[in-house]
PDB file of all heavy atoms in Angstrom:
ATOM      1  N   SER A   1     -57.848  39.042   9.725  1.00  0.00           N
ATOM      2  CA  SER A   1     -56.450  39.264   9.498  1.00  0.00           C
ATOM      3  C   SER A   1     -56.221  39.663   8.066  1.00  0.00           C
ATOM      4  O   SER A   1     -57.099  39.435   7.176  1.00  0.00           O
ATOM      5  CB  SER A   1     -55.694  37.919   9.838  1.00  0.00           C
ATOM      6  OG  SER A   1     -56.155  36.920   9.010  1.00  0.00           O
ATOM      7  N   PRO A   2     -55.042  40.253   7.795  1.00  0.00           N
ATOM      8  CA  PRO A   2     -54.857  40.671   6.426  1.00  0.00           C
ATOM      9  C   PRO A   2     -54.890  39.602   5.371  1.00  0.00           C
ATOM     10  O   PRO A   2     -55.142  39.804   4.226  1.00  0.00           O
ATOM     11  CB  PRO A   2     -53.455  41.352   6.540  1.00  0.00           C
ATOM     12  CG  PRO A   2     -53.283  41.808   7.883  1.00  0.00           C
ATOM     13  CD  PRO A   2     -54.040  40.833   8.686  1.00  0.00           C
ATOM     14  N   GLY A   3     -54.493  38.261   5.811  1.00  0.00           N
ATOM     15  CA  GLY A   3     -54.534  37.197   4.784  1.00  0.00           C
ATOM     16  C   GLY A   3     -55.806  36.465   4.731  1.00  0.00           C
ATOM     17  O   GLY A   3     -55.899  35.436   4.110  1.00  0.00           O
ATOM     18  N   SER A   4     -56.862  36.989   5.390  1.00  0.00           N
ATOM     19  CA  SER A   4     -58.224  36.305   5.455  1.00  0.00           C
ATOM     20  C   SER A   4     -58.903  36.564   4.095  1.00  0.00           C
ATOM     21  O   SER A   4     -58.863  37.571   3.575  1.00  0.00           O
ATOM     22  CB  SER A   4     -58.991  36.672   6.638  1.00  0.00           C
ATOM     23  OG  SER A   4     -59.260  37.958   6.615  1.00  0.00           O
ATOM     24  N   PRO A   5     -59.709  35.572   3.625  1.00  0.00           N
ATOM     25  CA  PRO A   5     -60.433  35.811   2.385  1.00  0.00           C
ATOM     26  C   PRO A   5     -61.442  37.030   2.518  1.00  0.00           C
ATOM     27  O   PRO A   5     -62.087  37.155   3.592  1.00  0.00           O
ATOM     28  CB  PRO A   5     -61.198  34.460   2.230  1.00  0.00           C
ATOM     29  CG  PRO A   5     -60.441  33.548   2.952  1.00  0.00           C
ATOM     30  CD  PRO A   5     -59.939  34.272   4.177  1.00  0.00           C
ATOM     31  N   GLY A   6     -61.567  37.826   1.525  1.00  0.00           N
ATOM     32  CA  GLY A   6     -62.544  38.875   1.566  1.00  0.00           C
ATOM     33  C   GLY A   6     -62.083  40.113   2.252  1.00  0.00           C
ATOM     34  O   GLY A   6     -62.731  41.087   2.344  1.00  0.00           O
ATOM     35  N   CYS A   7     -60.793  40.162   2.655  1.00  0.00           N
ATOM     36  CA  CYS A   7     -60.306  41.315   3.227  1.00  0.00           C
ATOM     37  C   CYS A   7     -59.386  42.061   2.322  1.00  0.00           C
ATOM     38  O   CYS A   7     -58.731  41.424   1.596  1.00  0.00           O
ATOM     39  CB  CYS A   7     -59.407  40.811   4.532  1.00  0.00           C
ATOM     40  SG  CYS A   7     -58.822  42.201   5.388  1.00  0.00           S
ATOM     41  N   ALA A   8     -59.393  43.401   2.326  1.00  0.00           N
ATOM     42  CA  ALA A   8     -58.685  44.160   1.409  1.00  0.00           C
ATOM     43  C   ALA A   8     -57.209  44.059   1.741  1.00  0.00           C
ATOM     44  O   ALA A   8     -56.771  44.006   2.814  1.00  0.00           O
ATOM     45  CB  ALA A   8     -59.063  45.614   1.614  1.00  0.00           C
ATOM     46  N   GLY A   9     -56.454  43.850   0.609  1.00  0.00           N
ATOM     47  CA  GLY A   9     -55.056  43.570   0.726  1.00  0.00           C
ATOM     48  C   GLY A   9     -54.570  42.195   0.923  1.00  0.00           C
ATOM     49  O   GLY A   9     -53.538  41.809   1.353  1.00  0.00           O
ATOM     50  N   SER A  10     -55.614  41.278   0.924  1.00  0.00           N
ATOM     51  CA  SER A  10     -55.239  39.867   1.104  1.00  0.00           C
ATOM     52  C   SER A  10     -54.457  39.268  -0.052  1.00  0.00           C
ATOM     53  O   SER A  10     -54.874  39.619  -1.253  1.00  0.00           O
ATOM     54  CB  SER A  10     -56.531  39.026   1.405  1.00  0.00           C
ATOM     55  OG  SER A  10     -57.460  39.080   0.208  1.00  0.00           O
ATOM     56  N   PRO A  11     -53.611  38.428   0.110  1.00  0.00           N
ATOM     57  CA  PRO A  11     -52.843  37.883  -0.906  1.00  0.00           C
ATOM     58  C   PRO A  11     -53.560  36.970  -1.743  1.00  0.00           C
ATOM     59  O   PRO A  11     -54.552  36.364  -1.279  1.00  0.00           O
ATOM     60  CB  PRO A  11     -51.649  37.307  -0.218  1.00  0.00           C
ATOM     61  CG  PRO A  11     -52.126  36.918   1.089  1.00  0.00           C
ATOM     62  CD  PRO A  11     -52.972  38.006   1.513  1.00  0.00           C
ATOM     63  N   GLY A  12     -53.093  36.770  -2.958  1.00  0.00           N
ATOM     64  CA  GLY A  12     -53.898  35.792  -3.800  1.00  0.00           C
ATOM     65  C   GLY A  12     -53.464  34.320  -3.456  1.00  0.00           C
ATOM     66  O   GLY A  12     -52.844  34.070  -2.619  1.00  0.00           O
ATOM     67  N   ARG A  13     -53.962  33.494  -4.481  1.00  0.00           N
ATOM     68  CA  ARG A  13     -53.653  32.138  -4.297  1.00  0.00           C
ATOM     69  C   ARG A  13     -52.145  31.844  -4.319  1.00  0.00           C
ATOM     70  O   ARG A  13     -51.616  30.868  -3.701  1.00  0.00           O
ATOM     71  CB  ARG A  13     -54.427  31.289  -5.299  1.00  0.00           C
ATOM     72  CG  ARG A  13     -54.252  29.854  -5.179  1.00  0.00           C
ATOM     73  CD  ARG A  13     -55.209  29.107  -6.274  1.00  0.00           C
ATOM     74  NE  ARG A  13     -56.470  29.372  -6.108  1.00  0.00           N
ATOM     75  CZ  ARG A  13     -57.278  28.751  -5.220  1.00  0.00           C
ATOM     76  NH1 ARG A  13     -56.789  27.793  -4.579  1.00  0.00           N
ATOM     77  NH2 ARG A  13     -58.577  29.066  -5.206  1.00  0.00           N
ATOM     78  N   GLU A  14     -51.410  32.758  -5.123  1.00  0.00           N
ATOM     79  CA  GLU A  14     -50.087  32.413  -5.184  1.00  0.00           C
ATOM     80  C   GLU A  14     -49.332  32.646  -3.753  1.00  0.00           C
ATOM     81  O   GLU A  14     -48.427  31.906  -3.516  1.00  0.00           O
ATOM     82  CB  GLU A  14     -49.389  33.375  -6.121  1.00  0.00           C
ATOM     83  CG  GLU A  14     -49.745  33.254  -7.641  1.00  0.00           C
ATOM     84  CD  GLU A  14     -51.169  33.990  -7.843  1.00  0.00           C
ATOM     85  OE1 GLU A  14     -51.664  34.542  -6.822  1.00  0.00           O
ATOM     86  OE2 GLU A  14     -51.709  33.868  -8.958  1.00  0.00           O
ATOM     87  N   GLY A  15     -49.762  33.676  -3.083  1.00  0.00           N
ATOM     88  CA  GLY A  15     -49.134  33.875  -1.744  1.00  0.00           C
ATOM     89  C   GLY A  15     -49.389  32.709  -0.804  1.00  0.00           C
ATOM     90  O   GLY A  15     -48.644  32.344  -0.010  1.00  0.00           O
ATOM     91  N   THR A  16     -50.690  32.254  -0.919  1.00  0.00           N
ATOM     92  CA  THR A  16     -51.045  31.222   0.112  1.00  0.00           C
ATOM     93  C   THR A  16     -50.281  29.866  -0.242  1.00  0.00           C
ATOM     94  O   THR A  16     -50.051  28.988   0.616  1.00  0.00           O
ATOM     95  CB  THR A  16     -52.555  30.806   0.009  1.00  0.00           C
ATOM     96  OG1 THR A  16     -52.914  30.514  -1.348  1.00  0.00           O
ATOM     97  CG2 THR A  16     -53.294  32.089   0.517  1.00  0.00           C
ATOM     98  N   ASP A  17     -49.910  29.674  -1.532  1.00  0.00           N
ATOM     99  CA  ASP A  17     -49.188  28.563  -1.921  1.00  0.00           C
ATOM    100  C   ASP A  17     -47.668  28.592  -1.382  1.00  0.00           C
ATOM    101  O   ASP A  17     -47.131  27.568  -1.094  1.00  0.00           O
ATOM    102  CB  ASP A  17     -49.122  28.347  -3.399  1.00  0.00           C
ATOM    103  CG  ASP A  17     -50.455  27.968  -4.001  1.00  0.00           C
ATOM    104  OD1 ASP A  17     -51.328  27.515  -3.180  1.00  0.00           O
ATOM    105  OD2 ASP A  17     -50.788  28.207  -5.213  1.00  0.00           O
ATOM    106  N   GLU A  18     -47.171  29.849  -1.424  1.00  0.00           N
ATOM    107  CA  GLU A  18     -45.691  29.956  -0.872  1.00  0.00           C
ATOM    108  C   GLU A  18     -45.709  29.798   0.584  1.00  0.00           C
ATOM    109  O   GLU A  18     -44.803  29.219   1.137  1.00  0.00           O
ATOM    110  CB  GLU A  18     -45.263  31.348  -1.264  1.00  0.00           C
ATOM    111  CG  GLU A  18     -45.111  31.454  -2.940  1.00  0.00           C
ATOM    112  CD  GLU A  18     -44.556  32.830  -3.250  1.00  0.00           C
ATOM    113  OE1 GLU A  18     -44.406  33.665  -2.253  1.00  0.00           O
ATOM    114  OE2 GLU A  18     -44.451  33.136  -4.542  1.00  0.00           O
ATOM    115  N   ALA A  19     -46.636  30.456   1.399  1.00  0.00           N
ATOM    116  CA  ALA A  19     -46.678  30.292   2.761  1.00  0.00           C
ATOM    117  C   ALA A  19     -47.937  29.643   3.191  1.00  0.00           C
ATOM    118  O   ALA A  19     -48.866  30.164   3.503  1.00  0.00           O
ATOM    119  CB  ALA A  19     -46.549  31.814   3.412  1.00  0.00           C
ATOM    120  N   ARG A  20     -47.774  28.332   3.282  1.00  0.00           N
ATOM    121  CA  ARG A  20     -49.022  27.523   3.776  1.00  0.00           C
ATOM    122  C   ARG A  20     -49.261  27.580   5.147  1.00  0.00           C
ATOM    123  O   ARG A  20     -48.326  27.538   5.901  1.00  0.00           O
ATOM    124  CB  ARG A  20     -48.572  26.051   3.280  1.00  0.00           C
ATOM    125  CG  ARG A  20     -48.352  25.859   1.929  1.00  0.00           C
ATOM    126  CD  ARG A  20     -48.095  24.371   1.529  1.00  0.00           C
ATOM    127  NE  ARG A  20     -49.298  23.599   1.770  1.00  0.00           N
ATOM    128  CZ  ARG A  20     -49.477  22.347   1.561  1.00  0.00           C
ATOM    129  NH1 ARG A  20     -48.492  21.561   1.126  1.00  0.00           N
ATOM    130  NH2 ARG A  20     -50.560  21.681   1.656  1.00  0.00           N
ATOM    131  N   PRO A  21     -50.554  27.767   5.485  1.00  0.00           N
ATOM    132  CA  PRO A  21     -50.947  27.977   6.911  1.00  0.00           C
ATOM    133  C   PRO A  21     -50.693  26.626   7.630  1.00  0.00           C
ATOM    134  O   PRO A  21     -50.588  25.530   7.109  1.00  0.00           O
ATOM    135  CB  PRO A  21     -52.373  28.277   6.704  1.00  0.00           C
ATOM    136  CG  PRO A  21     -52.895  27.721   5.470  1.00  0.00           C
ATOM    137  CD  PRO A  21     -51.647  27.866   4.644  1.00  0.00           C
ATOM    138  N   ALA A  22     -50.683  26.823   8.952  1.00  0.00           N
ATOM    139  CA  ALA A  22     -50.484  25.684   9.739  1.00  0.00           C
ATOM    140  C   ALA A  22     -51.737  24.703   9.664  1.00  0.00           C
ATOM    141  O   ALA A  22     -52.820  25.143   9.350  1.00  0.00           O
ATOM    142  CB  ALA A  22     -50.241  26.011  11.297  1.00  0.00           C
ATOM    143  N   SER A  23     -51.537  23.429  10.029  1.00  0.00           N
ATOM    144  CA  SER A  23     -52.695  22.506   9.937  1.00  0.00           C
ATOM    145  C   SER A  23     -53.743  22.894  11.079  1.00  0.00           C
ATOM    146  O   SER A  23     -53.367  23.600  11.959  1.00  0.00           O
ATOM    147  CB  SER A  23     -52.137  21.090  10.255  1.00  0.00           C
ATOM    148  OG  SER A  23     -51.680  21.040  11.459  1.00  0.00           O
ATOM    149  N   PRO A  24     -54.954  22.518  10.749  1.00  0.00           N
ATOM    150  CA  PRO A  24     -56.019  22.889  11.846  1.00  0.00           C
ATOM    151  C   PRO A  24     -55.682  22.127  13.199  1.00  0.00           C
ATOM    152  O   PRO A  24     -56.091  22.851  14.171  1.00  0.00           O
ATOM    153  CB  PRO A  24     -57.348  22.177  11.231  1.00  0.00           C
ATOM    154  CG  PRO A  24     -57.034  22.104   9.738  1.00  0.00           C
ATOM    155  CD  PRO A  24     -55.534  21.897   9.590  1.00  0.00           C
ATOM    156  N   ARG A  25     -55.090  21.056  13.195  1.00  0.00           N
ATOM    157  CA  ARG A  25     -54.764  20.561  14.579  1.00  0.00           C
ATOM    158  C   ARG A  25     -53.753  21.412  15.264  1.00  0.00           C
ATOM    159  O   ARG A  25     -53.849  21.639  16.504  1.00  0.00           O
ATOM    160  CB  ARG A  25     -54.156  19.157  14.407  1.00  0.00           C
ATOM    161  CG  ARG A  25     -53.800  18.403  15.703  1.00  0.00           C
ATOM    162  CD  ARG A  25     -53.406  17.033  15.505  1.00  0.00           C
ATOM    163  NE  ARG A  25     -54.430  16.185  14.926  1.00  0.00           N
ATOM    164  CZ  ARG A  25     -54.374  14.890  14.649  1.00  0.00           C
ATOM    165  NH1 ARG A  25     -53.144  14.326  14.903  1.00  0.00           N
ATOM    166  NH2 ARG A  25     -55.364  14.170  14.219  1.00  0.00           N
ATOM    167  N   SER A  26     -52.612  21.846  14.544  1.00  0.00           N
ATOM    168  CA  SER A  26     -51.649  22.601  15.257  1.00  0.00           C
ATOM    169  C   SER A  26     -52.207  23.992  15.671  1.00  0.00           C
ATOM    170  O   SER A  26     -51.914  24.567  16.756  1.00  0.00           O
ATOM    171  CB  SER A  26     -50.493  22.807  14.372  1.00  0.00           C
ATOM    172  OG  SER A  26     -50.829  23.555  13.168  1.00  0.00           O
ATOM    173  N   ARG A  27     -53.132  24.580  14.773  1.00  0.00           N
ATOM    174  CA  ARG A  27     -53.838  25.802  15.183  1.00  0.00           C
ATOM    175  C   ARG A  27     -54.547  25.593  16.439  1.00  0.00           C
ATOM    176  O   ARG A  27     -54.731  26.509  17.311  1.00  0.00           O
ATOM    177  CB  ARG A  27     -54.548  26.382  14.046  1.00  0.00           C
ATOM    178  CG  ARG A  27     -53.709  26.960  12.955  1.00  0.00           C
ATOM    179  CD  ARG A  27     -54.507  27.868  11.997  1.00  0.00           C
ATOM    180  NE  ARG A  27     -55.671  27.226  11.462  1.00  0.00           N
ATOM    181  CZ  ARG A  27     -55.728  26.562  10.356  1.00  0.00           C
ATOM    182  NH1 ARG A  27     -54.649  26.503   9.577  1.00  0.00           N
ATOM    183  NH2 ARG A  27     -56.983  26.012   9.848  1.00  0.00           N
TER     184      ARG A  27
END
């Protein structure tokens, strides 16, 4: 996915802090 680590165009740490991913249990 575009937001996965190592992928071109992935957001930095700032983006991940703003839109926190769902918990592993909910995923």
